[in-house]
Amino acid sequence: MKYLCLIYTEEATFRQAMSTADEAAMMAEYGAFSGSIQKSGHFLAGHRLEPSAAAVTIRIRDGKTSTTDGPFAETKEALGGFYMIDARDLNEAIQVASRIPGAKVGSIEVRPIAFTTPPAGGG
């Protein structure tokens, strides 16, 4: 099964309160984690995201599109990155996700990816 591991952190904590050395150490941990799940065959994709201030939220209401700067939800924690992993089951996905360094300063949401049957004709 495929799972999306969403990494949430308080941007102020992660980007402003950490010293340069602490941030470099955290990035080294991410590099080691990424390497380990690539080697184990769990890794499918993963990326760090730009700060939430770079986000745009899109809504369509009554056929009209509107955009708003920033994320939709007003929360302390923001989505900072993700890993898409392959795991036997939710328990294995949780074991893999619990090693993501961001869990030490934020939270990791593990969500199964829903697959649907593609339409006939390959469209």
PDB file of N, CA and C in Angstrom:
ATOM      1  N   MET A   1       0.837  -1.189   0.000  1.00  0.00           N
ATOM      2  CA  MET A   1       0.000   0.000   0.000  1.00  0.00           C
ATOM      3  C   MET A   1       0.879   1.248   0.000  1.00  0.00           C
ATOM      4  N   LYS A   2       0.316   2.301  -0.522  1.00  0.00           N
ATOM      5  CA  LYS A   2       1.033   3.571  -0.546  1.00  0.00           C
ATOM      6  C   LYS A   2       0.436   4.511   0.503  1.00  0.00           C
ATOM      7  N   TYR A   3       1.322   5.252   1.148  1.00  0.00           N
ATOM      8  CA  TYR A   3       0.926   6.179   2.208  1.00  0.00           C
ATOM      9  C   TYR A   3       1.612   7.516   1.977  1.00  0.00           C
ATOM     10  N   LEU A   4       0.907   8.585   2.325  1.00  0.00           N
ATOM     11  CA  LEU A   4       1.480   9.918   2.297  1.00  0.00           C
ATOM     12  C   LEU A   4       1.763  10.317   3.737  1.00  0.00           C
ATOM     13  N   CYS A   5       2.998  10.689   4.008  1.00  0.00           N
ATOM     14  CA  CYS A   5       3.409  11.139   5.341  1.00  0.00           C
ATOM     15  C   CYS A   5       3.572  12.654   5.260  1.00  0.00           C
ATOM     16  N   LEU A   6       2.645  13.367   5.852  1.00  0.00           N
ATOM     17  CA  LEU A   6       2.627  14.828   5.801  1.00  0.00           C
ATOM     18  C   LEU A   6       3.353  15.370   7.025  1.00  0.00           C
ATOM     19  N   ILE A   7       4.330  16.224   6.807  1.00  0.00           N
ATOM     20  CA  ILE A   7       5.178  16.742   7.877  1.00  0.00           C
ATOM     21  C   ILE A   7       4.717  18.145   8.246  1.00  0.00           C
ATOM     22  N   TYR A   8       4.228  18.292   9.464  1.00  0.00           N
ATOM     23  CA  TYR A   8       3.756  19.584   9.951  1.00  0.00           C
ATOM     24  C   TYR A   8       4.701  20.107  11.027  1.00  0.00           C
ATOM     25  N   THR A   9       5.082  21.373  10.909  1.00  0.00           N
ATOM     26  CA  THR A   9       5.908  22.024  11.922  1.00  0.00           C
ATOM     27  C   THR A   9       5.446  23.460  12.101  1.00  0.00           C
ATOM     28  N   GLU A  10       5.803  24.030  13.233  1.00  0.00           N
ATOM     29  CA  GLU A  10       5.579  25.463  13.415  1.00  0.00           C
ATOM     30  C   GLU A  10       6.706  26.160  12.663  1.00  0.00           C
ATOM     31  N   GLU A  11       6.347  26.883  11.626  1.00  0.00           N
ATOM     32  CA  GLU A  11       7.365  27.503  10.785  1.00  0.00           C
ATOM     33  C   GLU A  11       8.288  28.417  11.582  1.00  0.00           C
ATOM     34  N   ALA A  12       7.731  29.150  12.531  1.00  0.00           N
ATOM     35  CA  ALA A  12       8.558  30.053  13.330  1.00  0.00           C
ATOM     36  C   ALA A  12       9.614  29.264  14.093  1.00  0.00           C
ATOM     37  N   THR A  13       9.222  28.116  14.638  1.00  0.00           N
ATOM     38  CA  THR A  13      10.161  27.281  15.388  1.00  0.00           C
ATOM     39  C   THR A  13      11.227  26.736  14.464  1.00  0.00           C
ATOM     40  N   PHE A  14      10.795  26.197  13.337  1.00  0.00           N
ATOM     41  CA  PHE A  14      11.734  25.515  12.460  1.00  0.00           C
ATOM     42  C   PHE A  14      12.646  26.470  11.727  1.00  0.00           C
ATOM     43  N   ARG A  15      12.118  27.544  11.193  1.00  0.00           N
ATOM     44  CA  ARG A  15      12.902  28.413  10.320  1.00  0.00           C
ATOM     45  C   ARG A  15      13.542  29.603  11.039  1.00  0.00           C
ATOM     46  N   GLN A  16      12.995  30.012  12.164  1.00  0.00           N
ATOM     47  CA  GLN A  16      13.518  31.206  12.808  1.00  0.00           C
ATOM     48  C   GLN A  16      14.215  30.918  14.133  1.00  0.00           C
ATOM     49  N   ALA A  17      13.685  29.995  14.930  1.00  0.00           N
ATOM     50  CA  ALA A  17      14.224  29.767  16.261  1.00  0.00           C
ATOM     51  C   ALA A  17      15.430  28.829  16.259  1.00  0.00           C
ATOM     52  N   MET A  18      15.617  28.057  15.198  1.00  0.00           N
ATOM     53  CA  MET A  18      16.743  27.132  15.138  1.00  0.00           C
ATOM     54  C   MET A  18      18.008  27.878  14.729  1.00  0.00           C
ATOM     55  N   SER A  19      19.102  27.510  15.365  1.00  0.00           N
ATOM     56  CA  SER A  19      20.385  28.076  14.947  1.00  0.00           C
ATOM     57  C   SER A  19      20.767  27.443  13.607  1.00  0.00           C
ATOM     58  N   THR A  20      21.709  28.057  12.941  1.00  0.00           N
ATOM     59  CA  THR A  20      22.184  27.524  11.665  1.00  0.00           C
ATOM     60  C   THR A  20      22.723  26.116  11.855  1.00  0.00           C
ATOM     61  N   ALA A  21      23.440  25.890  12.952  1.00  0.00           N
ATOM     62  CA  ALA A  21      24.003  24.565  13.229  1.00  0.00           C
ATOM     63  C   ALA A  21      22.896  23.545  13.486  1.00  0.00           C
ATOM     64  N   ASP A  22      21.854  23.944  14.234  1.00  0.00           N
ATOM     65  CA  ASP A  22      20.738  23.026  14.515  1.00  0.00           C
ATOM     66  C   ASP A  22      19.983  22.683  13.231  1.00  0.00           C
ATOM     67  N   GLU A  23      19.785  23.688  12.369  1.00  0.00           N
ATOM     68  CA  GLU A  23      19.094  23.428  11.109  1.00  0.00           C
ATOM     69  C   GLU A  23      19.926  22.501  10.219  1.00  0.00           C
ATOM     70  N   ALA A  24      21.233  22.714  10.190  1.00  0.00           N
ATOM     71  CA  ALA A  24      22.113  21.852   9.393  1.00  0.00           C
ATOM     72  C   ALA A  24      22.076  20.419   9.924  1.00  0.00           C
ATOM     73  N   ALA A  25      22.045  20.263  11.252  1.00  0.00           N
ATOM     74  CA  ALA A  25      21.966  18.928  11.848  1.00  0.00           C
ATOM     75  C   ALA A  25      20.649  18.251  11.490  1.00  0.00           C
ATOM     76  N   MET A  26      19.549  19.014  11.522  1.00  0.00           N
ATOM     77  CA  MET A  26      18.239  18.462  11.166  1.00  0.00           C
ATOM     78  C   MET A  26      18.219  18.044   9.702  1.00  0.00           C
ATOM     79  N   MET A  27      18.792  18.865   8.823  1.00  0.00           N
ATOM     80  CA  MET A  27      18.828  18.524   7.403  1.00  0.00           C
ATOM     81  C   MET A  27      19.693  17.278   7.161  1.00  0.00           C
ATOM     82  N   ALA A  28      20.758  17.123   7.940  1.00  0.00           N
ATOM     83  CA  ALA A  28      21.580  15.916   7.832  1.00  0.00           C
ATOM     84  C   ALA A  28      20.774  14.693   8.256  1.00  0.00           C
ATOM     85  N   GLU A  29      19.946  14.844   9.303  1.00  0.00           N
ATOM     86  CA  GLU A  29      19.068  13.745   9.722  1.00  0.00           C
ATOM     87  C   GLU A  29      18.083  13.385   8.614  1.00  0.00           C
ATOM     88  N   TYR A  30      17.519  14.408   7.960  1.00  0.00           N
ATOM     89  CA  TYR A  30      16.602  14.154   6.846  1.00  0.00           C
ATOM     90  C   TYR A  30      17.323  13.420   5.712  1.00  0.00           C
ATOM     91  N   GLY A  31      18.545  13.812   5.420  1.00  0.00           N
ATOM     92  CA  GLY A  31      19.315  13.138   4.380  1.00  0.00           C
ATOM     93  C   GLY A  31      19.542  11.672   4.719  1.00  0.00           C
ATOM     94  N   ALA A  32      19.896  11.393   5.981  1.00  0.00           N
ATOM     95  CA  ALA A  32      20.112  10.010   6.412  1.00  0.00           C
ATOM     96  C   ALA A  32      18.809   9.217   6.365  1.00  0.00           C
ATOM     97  N   PHE A  33      17.708   9.834   6.815  1.00  0.00           N
ATOM     98  CA  PHE A  33      16.411   9.153   6.779  1.00  0.00           C
ATOM     99  C   PHE A  33      16.021   8.842   5.342  1.00  0.00           C
ATOM    100  N   SER A  34      16.138   9.834   4.458  1.00  0.00           N
ATOM    101  CA  SER A  34      15.777   9.632   3.048  1.00  0.00           C
ATOM    102  C   SER A  34      16.608   8.504   2.442  1.00  0.00           C
ATOM    103  N   GLY A  35      17.889   8.508   2.717  1.00  0.00           N
ATOM    104  CA  GLY A  35      18.753   7.447   2.212  1.00  0.00           C
ATOM    105  C   GLY A  35      18.350   6.077   2.727  1.00  0.00           C
ATOM    106  N   SER A  36      17.975   6.010   4.000  1.00  0.00           N
ATOM    107  CA  SER A  36      17.615   4.714   4.586  1.00  0.00           C
ATOM    108  C   SER A  36      16.327   4.168   3.983  1.00  0.00           C
ATOM    109  N   ILE A  37      15.332   5.035   3.711  1.00  0.00           N
ATOM    110  CA  ILE A  37      14.087   4.497   3.151  1.00  0.00           C
ATOM    111  C   ILE A  37      14.206   4.253   1.648  1.00  0.00           C
ATOM    112  N   GLN A  38      15.155   4.920   0.999  1.00  0.00           N
ATOM    113  CA  GLN A  38      15.430   4.575  -0.402  1.00  0.00           C
ATOM    114  C   GLN A  38      16.057   3.183  -0.461  1.00  0.00           C
ATOM    115  N   LYS A  39      16.993   2.934   0.439  1.00  0.00           N
ATOM    116  CA  LYS A  39      17.685   1.642   0.477  1.00  0.00           C
ATOM    117  C   LYS A  39      16.737   0.501   0.846  1.00  0.00           C
ATOM    118  N   SER A  40      15.784   0.768   1.756  1.00  0.00           N
ATOM    119  CA  SER A  40      14.858  -0.280   2.206  1.00  0.00           C
ATOM    120  C   SER A  40      13.711  -0.521   1.219  1.00  0.00           C
ATOM    121  N   GLY A  41      13.552   0.370   0.228  1.00  0.00           N
ATOM    122  CA  GLY A  41      12.492   0.210  -0.750  1.00  0.00           C
ATOM    123  C   GLY A  41      11.176   0.865  -0.368  1.00  0.00           C
ATOM    124  N   HIS A  42      11.148   1.610   0.730  1.00  0.00           N
ATOM    125  CA  HIS A  42       9.921   2.290   1.154  1.00  0.00           C
ATOM    126  C   HIS A  42       9.688   3.595   0.408  1.00  0.00           C
ATOM    127  N   PHE A  43      10.748   4.243  -0.035  1.00  0.00           N
ATOM    128  CA  PHE A  43      10.663   5.586  -0.618  1.00  0.00           C
ATOM    129  C   PHE A  43      10.017   5.565  -2.003  1.00  0.00           C
ATOM    130  N   LEU A  44       9.029   6.429  -2.210  1.00  0.00           N
ATOM    131  CA  LEU A  44       8.438   6.641  -3.531  1.00  0.00           C
ATOM    132  C   LEU A  44       8.660   8.083  -3.986  1.00  0.00           C
ATOM    133  N   ALA A  45       8.529   9.047  -3.073  1.00  0.00           N
ATOM    134  CA  ALA A  45       8.729  10.464  -3.386  1.00  0.00           C
ATOM    135  C   ALA A  45       8.835  11.237  -2.078  1.00  0.00           C
ATOM    136  N   GLY A  46       9.373  12.418  -2.152  1.00  0.00           N
ATOM    137  CA  GLY A  46       9.435  13.269  -0.971  1.00  0.00           C
ATOM    138  C   GLY A  46      10.059  14.605  -1.321  1.00  0.00           C
ATOM    139  N   HIS A  47       9.540  15.663  -0.709  1.00  0.00           N
ATOM    140  CA  HIS A  47      10.065  17.003  -0.965  1.00  0.00           C
ATOM    141  C   HIS A  47       9.787  17.910   0.224  1.00  0.00           C
ATOM    142  N   ARG A  48      10.668  18.862   0.414  1.00  0.00           N
ATOM    143  CA  ARG A  48      10.452  19.949   1.365  1.00  0.00           C
ATOM    144  C   ARG A  48       9.668  21.020   0.616  1.00  0.00           C
ATOM    145  N   LEU A  49       8.755  21.685   1.289  1.00  0.00           N
ATOM    146  CA  LEU A  49       7.951  22.729   0.666  1.00  0.00           C
ATOM    147  C   LEU A  49       8.460  24.110   1.059  1.00  0.00           C
ATOM    148  N   GLU A  50       8.186  25.081   0.223  1.00  0.00           N
ATOM    149  CA  GLU A  50       8.471  26.475   0.565  1.00  0.00           C
ATOM    150  C   GLU A  50       7.562  26.876   1.725  1.00  0.00           C
ATOM    151  N   PRO A  51       7.883  27.949   2.449  1.00  0.00           N
ATOM    152  CA  PRO A  51       7.038  28.389   3.566  1.00  0.00           C
ATOM    153  C   PRO A  51       5.592  28.644   3.130  1.00  0.00           C
ATOM    154  N   SER A  52       4.672  28.542   4.081  1.00  0.00           N
ATOM    155  CA  SER A  52       3.250  28.692   3.762  1.00  0.00           C
ATOM    156  C   SER A  52       2.923  30.061   3.168  1.00  0.00           C
ATOM    157  N   ALA A  53       3.742  31.056   3.425  1.00  0.00           N
ATOM    158  CA  ALA A  53       3.513  32.382   2.842  1.00  0.00           C
ATOM    159  C   ALA A  53       3.591  32.340   1.315  1.00  0.00           C
ATOM    160  N   ALA A  54       4.239  31.316   0.758  1.00  0.00           N
ATOM    161  CA  ALA A  54       4.345  31.185  -0.694  1.00  0.00           C
ATOM    162  C   ALA A  54       3.139  30.462  -1.289  1.00  0.00           C
ATOM    163  N   ALA A  55       2.253  29.955  -0.437  1.00  0.00           N
ATOM    164  CA  ALA A  55       1.099  29.181  -0.908  1.00  0.00           C
ATOM    165  C   ALA A  55      -0.024  30.089  -1.410  1.00  0.00           C
ATOM    166  N   VAL A  56      -0.852  29.520  -2.245  1.00  0.00           N
ATOM    167  CA  VAL A  56      -2.076  30.171  -2.715  1.00  0.00           C
ATOM    168  C   VAL A  56      -3.204  29.159  -2.565  1.00  0.00           C
ATOM    169  N   THR A  57      -4.314  29.584  -1.985  1.00  0.00           N
ATOM    170  CA  THR A  57      -5.485  28.728  -1.845  1.00  0.00           C
ATOM    171  C   THR A  57      -6.504  29.131  -2.900  1.00  0.00           C
ATOM    172  N   ILE A  58      -7.043  28.150  -3.600  1.00  0.00           N
ATOM    173  CA  ILE A  58      -8.003  28.390  -4.682  1.00  0.00           C
ATOM    174  C   ILE A  58      -9.372  27.848  -4.272  1.00  0.00           C
ATOM    175  N   ARG A  59     -10.402  28.627  -4.535  1.00  0.00           N
ATOM    176  CA  ARG A  59     -11.782  28.196  -4.292  1.00  0.00           C
ATOM    177  C   ARG A  59     -12.614  28.533  -5.520  1.00  0.00           C
ATOM    178  N   ILE A  60     -13.540  27.643  -5.853  1.00  0.00           N
ATOM    179  CA  ILE A  60     -14.506  27.937  -6.906  1.00  0.00           C
ATOM    180  C   ILE A  60     -15.883  27.867  -6.270  1.00  0.00           C
ATOM    181  N   ARG A  61     -16.595  28.987  -6.312  1.00  0.00           N
ATOM    182  CA  ARG A  61     -17.939  29.070  -5.744  1.00  0.00           C
ATOM    183  C   ARG A  61     -18.837  29.712  -6.783  1.00  0.00           C
ATOM    184  N   ASP A  62     -19.947  29.084  -7.033  1.00  0.00           N
ATOM    185  CA  ASP A  62     -20.894  29.589  -8.029  1.00  0.00           C
ATOM    186  C   ASP A  62     -20.212  29.861  -9.369  1.00  0.00           C
ATOM    187  N   GLY A  63     -19.273  28.988  -9.740  1.00  0.00           N
ATOM    188  CA  GLY A  63     -18.594  29.113 -11.016  1.00  0.00           C
ATOM    189  C   GLY A  63     -17.509  30.174 -11.066  1.00  0.00           C
ATOM    190  N   LYS A  64     -17.248  30.869  -9.957  1.00  0.00           N
ATOM    191  CA  LYS A  64     -16.232  31.921  -9.928  1.00  0.00           C
ATOM    192  C   LYS A  64     -15.029  31.447  -9.123  1.00  0.00           C
ATOM    193  N   THR A  65     -13.861  31.674  -9.684  1.00  0.00           N
ATOM    194  CA  THR A  65     -12.612  31.282  -9.034  1.00  0.00           C
ATOM    195  C   THR A  65     -12.067  32.449  -8.225  1.00  0.00           C
ATOM    196  N   SER A  66     -11.689  32.152  -6.992  1.00  0.00           N
ATOM    197  CA  SER A  66     -11.017  33.162  -6.177  1.00  0.00           C
ATOM    198  C   SER A  66      -9.741  32.547  -5.609  1.00  0.00           C
ATOM    199  N   THR A  67      -8.754  33.398  -5.399  1.00  0.00           N
ATOM    200  CA  THR A  67      -7.502  32.951  -4.806  1.00  0.00           C
ATOM    201  C   THR A  67      -7.212  33.779  -3.569  1.00  0.00           C
ATOM    202  N   THR A  68      -6.587  33.125  -2.603  1.00  0.00           N
ATOM    203  CA  THR A  68      -6.189  33.779  -1.367  1.00  0.00           C
ATOM    204  C   THR A  68      -4.737  33.437  -1.105  1.00  0.00           C
ATOM    205  N   ASP A  69      -3.933  34.425  -0.753  1.00  0.00           N
ATOM    206  CA  ASP A  69      -2.542  34.143  -0.411  1.00  0.00           C
ATOM    207  C   ASP A  69      -2.490  33.318   0.868  1.00  0.00           C
ATOM    208  N   GLY A  70      -1.565  32.384   0.900  1.00  0.00           N
ATOM    209  CA  GLY A  70      -1.347  31.575   2.090  1.00  0.00           C
ATOM    210  C   GLY A  70      -2.229  30.345   2.133  1.00  0.00           C
ATOM    211  N   PRO A  71      -2.050  29.571   3.191  1.00  0.00           N
ATOM    212  CA  PRO A  71      -2.824  28.332   3.334  1.00  0.00           C
ATOM    213  C   PRO A  71      -4.258  28.625   3.747  1.00  0.00           C
ATOM    214  N   PHE A  72      -5.121  27.637   3.559  1.00  0.00           N
ATOM    215  CA  PHE A  72      -6.534  27.789   3.910  1.00  0.00           C
ATOM    216  C   PHE A  72      -6.726  27.882   5.415  1.00  0.00           C
ATOM    217  N   ALA A  73      -6.101  26.979   6.162  1.00  0.00           N
ATOM    218  CA  ALA A  73      -6.314  26.905   7.613  1.00  0.00           C
ATOM    219  C   ALA A  73      -5.369  27.846   8.346  1.00  0.00           C
ATOM    220  N   GLU A  74      -5.883  28.491   9.359  1.00  0.00           N
ATOM    221  CA  GLU A  74      -5.063  29.323  10.230  1.00  0.00           C
ATOM    222  C   GLU A  74      -4.666  28.478  11.431  1.00  0.00           C
ATOM    223  N   THR A  75      -3.478  27.920  11.391  1.00  0.00           N
ATOM    224  CA  THR A  75      -2.981  27.086  12.479  1.00  0.00           C
ATOM    225  C   THR A  75      -1.535  27.447  12.758  1.00  0.00           C
ATOM    226  N   LYS A  76      -1.040  27.020  13.916  1.00  0.00           N
ATOM    227  CA  LYS A  76       0.368  27.241  14.233  1.00  0.00           C
ATOM    228  C   LYS A  76       1.255  26.362  13.371  1.00  0.00           C
ATOM    229  N   GLU A  77       0.811  25.121  13.167  1.00  0.00           N
ATOM    230  CA  GLU A  77       1.612  24.197  12.372  1.00  0.00           C
ATOM    231  C   GLU A  77       1.218  24.293  10.899  1.00  0.00           C
ATOM    232  N   ALA A  78       2.216  24.253  10.042  1.00  0.00           N
ATOM    233  CA  ALA A  78       1.981  24.315   8.603  1.00  0.00           C
ATOM    234  C   ALA A  78       2.635  23.109   7.944  1.00  0.00           C
ATOM    235  N   LEU A  79       2.101  22.718   6.800  1.00  0.00           N
ATOM    236  CA  LEU A  79       2.659  21.621   6.036  1.00  0.00           C
ATOM    237  C   LEU A  79       4.021  22.050   5.503  1.00  0.00           C
ATOM    238  N   GLY A  80       5.053  21.324   5.899  1.00  0.00           N
ATOM    239  CA  GLY A  80       6.411  21.705   5.520  1.00  0.00           C
ATOM    240  C   GLY A  80       7.045  20.782   4.497  1.00  0.00           C
ATOM    241  N   GLY A  81       6.451  19.610   4.307  1.00  0.00           N
ATOM    242  CA  GLY A  81       7.007  18.663   3.352  1.00  0.00           C
ATOM    243  C   GLY A  81       6.251  17.352   3.428  1.00  0.00           C
ATOM    244  N   PHE A  82       6.699  16.387   2.644  1.00  0.00           N
ATOM    245  CA  PHE A  82       6.013  15.104   2.631  1.00  0.00           C
ATOM    246  C   PHE A  82       6.939  14.007   2.134  1.00  0.00           C
ATOM    247  N   TYR A  83       6.582  12.801   2.479  1.00  0.00           N
ATOM    248  CA  TYR A  83       7.156  11.602   1.883  1.00  0.00           C
ATOM    249  C   TYR A  83       5.997  10.750   1.416  1.00  0.00           C
ATOM    250  N   MET A  84       6.123  10.158   0.241  1.00  0.00           N
ATOM    251  CA  MET A  84       5.187   9.116  -0.189  1.00  0.00           C
ATOM    252  C   MET A  84       5.966   7.817  -0.058  1.00  0.00           C
ATOM    253  N   ILE A  85       5.392   6.896   0.699  1.00  0.00           N
ATOM    254  CA  ILE A  85       6.097   5.646   0.967  1.00  0.00           C
ATOM    255  C   ILE A  85       5.253   4.451   0.567  1.00  0.00           C
ATOM    256  N   ASP A  86       5.901   3.325   0.422  1.00  0.00           N
ATOM    257  CA  ASP A  86       5.241   2.054   0.171  1.00  0.00           C
ATOM    258  C   ASP A  86       5.473   1.203   1.416  1.00  0.00           C
ATOM    259  N   ALA A  87       4.413   0.666   1.981  1.00  0.00           N
ATOM    260  CA  ALA A  87       4.516  -0.150   3.188  1.00  0.00           C
ATOM    261  C   ALA A  87       3.500  -1.288   3.113  1.00  0.00           C
ATOM    262  N   ARG A  88       3.779  -2.373   3.819  1.00  0.00           N
ATOM    263  CA  ARG A  88       2.868  -3.530   3.823  1.00  0.00           C
ATOM    264  C   ARG A  88       1.498  -3.168   4.353  1.00  0.00           C
ATOM    265  N   ASP A  89       1.482  -2.345   5.427  1.00  0.00           N
ATOM    266  CA  ASP A  89       0.228  -1.991   6.091  1.00  0.00           C
ATOM    267  C   ASP A  89       0.441  -0.714   6.894  1.00  0.00           C
ATOM    268  N   LEU A  90      -0.615  -0.264   7.557  1.00  0.00           N
ATOM    269  CA  LEU A  90      -0.534   0.982   8.333  1.00  0.00           C
ATOM    270  C   LEU A  90       0.512   0.888   9.436  1.00  0.00           C
ATOM    271  N   ASN A  91       0.627  -0.253  10.085  1.00  0.00           N
ATOM    272  CA  ASN A  91       1.615  -0.388  11.155  1.00  0.00           C
ATOM    273  C   ASN A  91       3.035  -0.158  10.651  1.00  0.00           C
ATOM    274  N   GLU A  92       3.357  -0.739   9.490  1.00  0.00           N
ATOM    275  CA  GLU A  92       4.691  -0.524   8.942  1.00  0.00           C
ATOM    276  C   GLU A  92       4.856   0.933   8.522  1.00  0.00           C
ATOM    277  N   ALA A  93       3.814   1.542   7.957  1.00  0.00           N
ATOM    278  CA  ALA A  93       3.879   2.953   7.568  1.00  0.00           C
ATOM    279  C   ALA A  93       4.143   3.835   8.790  1.00  0.00           C
ATOM    280  N   ILE A  94       3.498   3.527   9.894  1.00  0.00           N
ATOM    281  CA  ILE A  94       3.710   4.291  11.131  1.00  0.00           C
ATOM    282  C   ILE A  94       5.144   4.120  11.621  1.00  0.00           C
ATOM    283  N   GLN A  95       5.667   2.903  11.538  1.00  0.00           N
ATOM    284  CA  GLN A  95       7.055   2.664  11.961  1.00  0.00           C
ATOM    285  C   GLN A  95       8.022   3.491  11.115  1.00  0.00           C
ATOM    286  N   VAL A  96       7.800   3.515   9.804  1.00  0.00           N
ATOM    287  CA  VAL A  96       8.668   4.300   8.922  1.00  0.00           C
ATOM    288  C   VAL A  96       8.510   5.786   9.236  1.00  0.00           C
ATOM    289  N   ALA A  97       7.279   6.263   9.315  1.00  0.00           N
ATOM    290  CA  ALA A  97       7.011   7.691   9.539  1.00  0.00           C
ATOM    291  C   ALA A  97       7.523   8.172  10.889  1.00  0.00           C
ATOM    292  N   SER A  98       7.557   7.307  11.874  1.00  0.00           N
ATOM    293  CA  SER A  98       8.024   7.720  13.204  1.00  0.00           C
ATOM    294  C   SER A  98       9.504   8.057  13.209  1.00  0.00           C
ATOM    295  N   ARG A  99      10.219   7.695  12.161  1.00  0.00           N
ATOM    296  CA  ARG A  99      11.643   8.017  12.051  1.00  0.00           C
ATOM    297  C   ARG A  99      11.897   9.326  11.323  1.00  0.00           C
ATOM    298  N   ILE A 100      10.841   9.973  10.809  1.00  0.00           N
ATOM    299  CA  ILE A 100      11.013  11.261  10.122  1.00  0.00           C
ATOM    300  C   ILE A 100      11.461  12.293  11.155  1.00  0.00           C
ATOM    301  N   PRO A 101      12.595  12.971  10.923  1.00  0.00           N
ATOM    302  CA  PRO A 101      13.123  13.907  11.916  1.00  0.00           C
ATOM    303  C   PRO A 101      12.137  14.983  12.368  1.00  0.00           C
ATOM    304  N   GLY A 102      11.240  15.431  11.498  1.00  0.00           N
ATOM    305  CA  GLY A 102      10.290  16.476  11.863  1.00  0.00           C
ATOM    306  C   GLY A 102       9.348  16.088  12.979  1.00  0.00           C
ATOM    307  N   ALA A 103       9.221  14.791  13.266  1.00  0.00           N
ATOM    308  CA  ALA A 103       8.359  14.356  14.372  1.00  0.00           C
ATOM    309  C   ALA A 103       8.878  14.863  15.713  1.00  0.00           C
ATOM    310  N   LYS A 104      10.164  15.208  15.778  1.00  0.00           N
ATOM    311  CA  LYS A 104      10.766  15.705  17.023  1.00  0.00           C
ATOM    312  C   LYS A 104      10.333  17.126  17.349  1.00  0.00           C
ATOM    313  N   VAL A 105       9.942  17.895  16.322  1.00  0.00           N
ATOM    314  CA  VAL A 105       9.580  19.295  16.543  1.00  0.00           C
ATOM    315  C   VAL A 105       8.173  19.631  16.071  1.00  0.00           C
ATOM    316  N   GLY A 106       7.518  18.690  15.421  1.00  0.00           N
ATOM    317  CA  GLY A 106       6.172  18.914  14.901  1.00  0.00           C
ATOM    318  C   GLY A 106       5.394  17.622  14.941  1.00  0.00           C
ATOM    319  N   SER A 107       4.654  17.341  13.882  1.00  0.00           N
ATOM    320  CA  SER A 107       3.868  16.111  13.832  1.00  0.00           C
ATOM    321  C   SER A 107       3.884  15.559  12.413  1.00  0.00           C
ATOM    322  N   ILE A 108       3.622  14.267  12.316  1.00  0.00           N
ATOM    323  CA  ILE A 108       3.567  13.580  11.029  1.00  0.00           C
ATOM    324  C   ILE A 108       2.187  12.961  10.898  1.00  0.00           C
ATOM    325  N   GLU A 109       1.485  13.293   9.843  1.00  0.00           N
ATOM    326  CA  GLU A 109       0.187  12.670   9.555  1.00  0.00           C
ATOM    327  C   GLU A 109       0.424  11.589   8.512  1.00  0.00           C
ATOM    328  N   VAL A 110       0.007  10.371   8.823  1.00  0.00           N
ATOM    329  CA  VAL A 110       0.142   9.252   7.887  1.00  0.00           C
ATOM    330  C   VAL A 110      -1.240   8.962   7.332  1.00  0.00           C
ATOM    331  N   ARG A 111      -1.351   9.056   6.011  1.00  0.00           N
ATOM    332  CA  ARG A 111      -2.653   8.867   5.384  1.00  0.00           C
ATOM    333  C   ARG A 111      -2.532   7.900   4.219  1.00  0.00           C
ATOM    334  N   PRO A 112      -3.359   6.840   4.215  1.00  0.00           N
ATOM    335  CA  PRO A 112      -3.348   5.925   3.068  1.00  0.00           C
ATOM    336  C   PRO A 112      -3.787   6.656   1.806  1.00  0.00           C
ATOM    337  N   ILE A 113      -3.172   6.295   0.691  1.00  0.00           N
ATOM    338  CA  ILE A 113      -3.555   6.867  -0.594  1.00  0.00           C
ATOM    339  C   ILE A 113      -4.656   6.000  -1.183  1.00  0.00           C
ATOM    340  N   ALA A 114      -5.762   6.631  -1.544  1.00  0.00           N
ATOM    341  CA  ALA A 114      -6.898   5.915  -2.125  1.00  0.00           C
ATOM    342  C   ALA A 114      -6.667   5.768  -3.617  1.00  0.00           C
ATOM    343  N   PHE A 115      -6.789   4.562  -4.096  1.00  0.00           N
ATOM    344  CA  PHE A 115      -6.650   4.309  -5.524  1.00  0.00           C
ATOM    345  C   PHE A 115      -8.014   3.997  -6.100  1.00  0.00           C
ATOM    346  N   THR A 116      -8.286   4.533  -7.263  1.00  0.00           N
ATOM    347  CA  THR A 116      -9.522   4.224  -7.962  1.00  0.00           C
ATOM    348  C   THR A 116      -9.179   3.566  -9.274  1.00  0.00           C
ATOM    349  N   THR A 117     -10.105   2.852  -9.802  1.00  0.00           N
ATOM    350  CA  THR A 117      -9.900   2.208 -11.091  1.00  0.00           C
ATOM    351  C   THR A 117      -9.939   3.273 -12.184  1.00  0.00           C
ATOM    352  N   PRO A 118      -8.929   3.289 -13.071  1.00  0.00           N
ATOM    353  CA  PRO A 118      -8.963   4.289 -14.150  1.00  0.00           C
ATOM    354  C   PRO A 118     -10.140   4.036 -15.087  1.00  0.00           C
ATOM    355  N   PRO A 119     -10.644   5.103 -15.703  1.00  0.00           N
ATOM    356  CA  PRO A 119     -11.776   4.929 -16.626  1.00  0.00           C
ATOM    357  C   PRO A 119     -11.374   4.061 -17.815  1.00  0.00           C
ATOM    358  N   ALA A 120     -12.382   3.400 -18.390  1.00  0.00           N
ATOM    359  CA  ALA A 120     -12.146   2.579 -19.574  1.00  0.00           C
ATOM    360  C   ALA A 120     -11.572   3.434 -20.690  1.00  0.00           C
ATOM    361  N   GLY A 121     -10.646   2.900 -21.422  1.00  0.00           N
ATOM    362  CA  GLY A 121     -10.039   3.640 -22.525  1.00  0.00           C
ATOM    363  C   GLY A 121      -8.793   4.389 -22.116  1.00  0.00           C
ATOM    364  N   GLY A 122      -8.336   4.221 -20.837  1.00  0.00           N
ATOM    365  CA  GLY A 122      -7.088   4.835 -20.390  1.00  0.00           C
ATOM    366  C   GLY A 122      -7.143   6.323 -20.150  1.00  0.00           C
ATOM    367  N   GLY A 123      -8.347   6.923 -20.077  1.00  0.00           N
ATOM    368  CA  GLY A 123      -8.463   8.377 -19.908  1.00  0.00           C
ATOM    369  C   GLY A 123      -8.476   8.758 -18.548  1.00  0.00           C
TER     370      GLY A 123
END
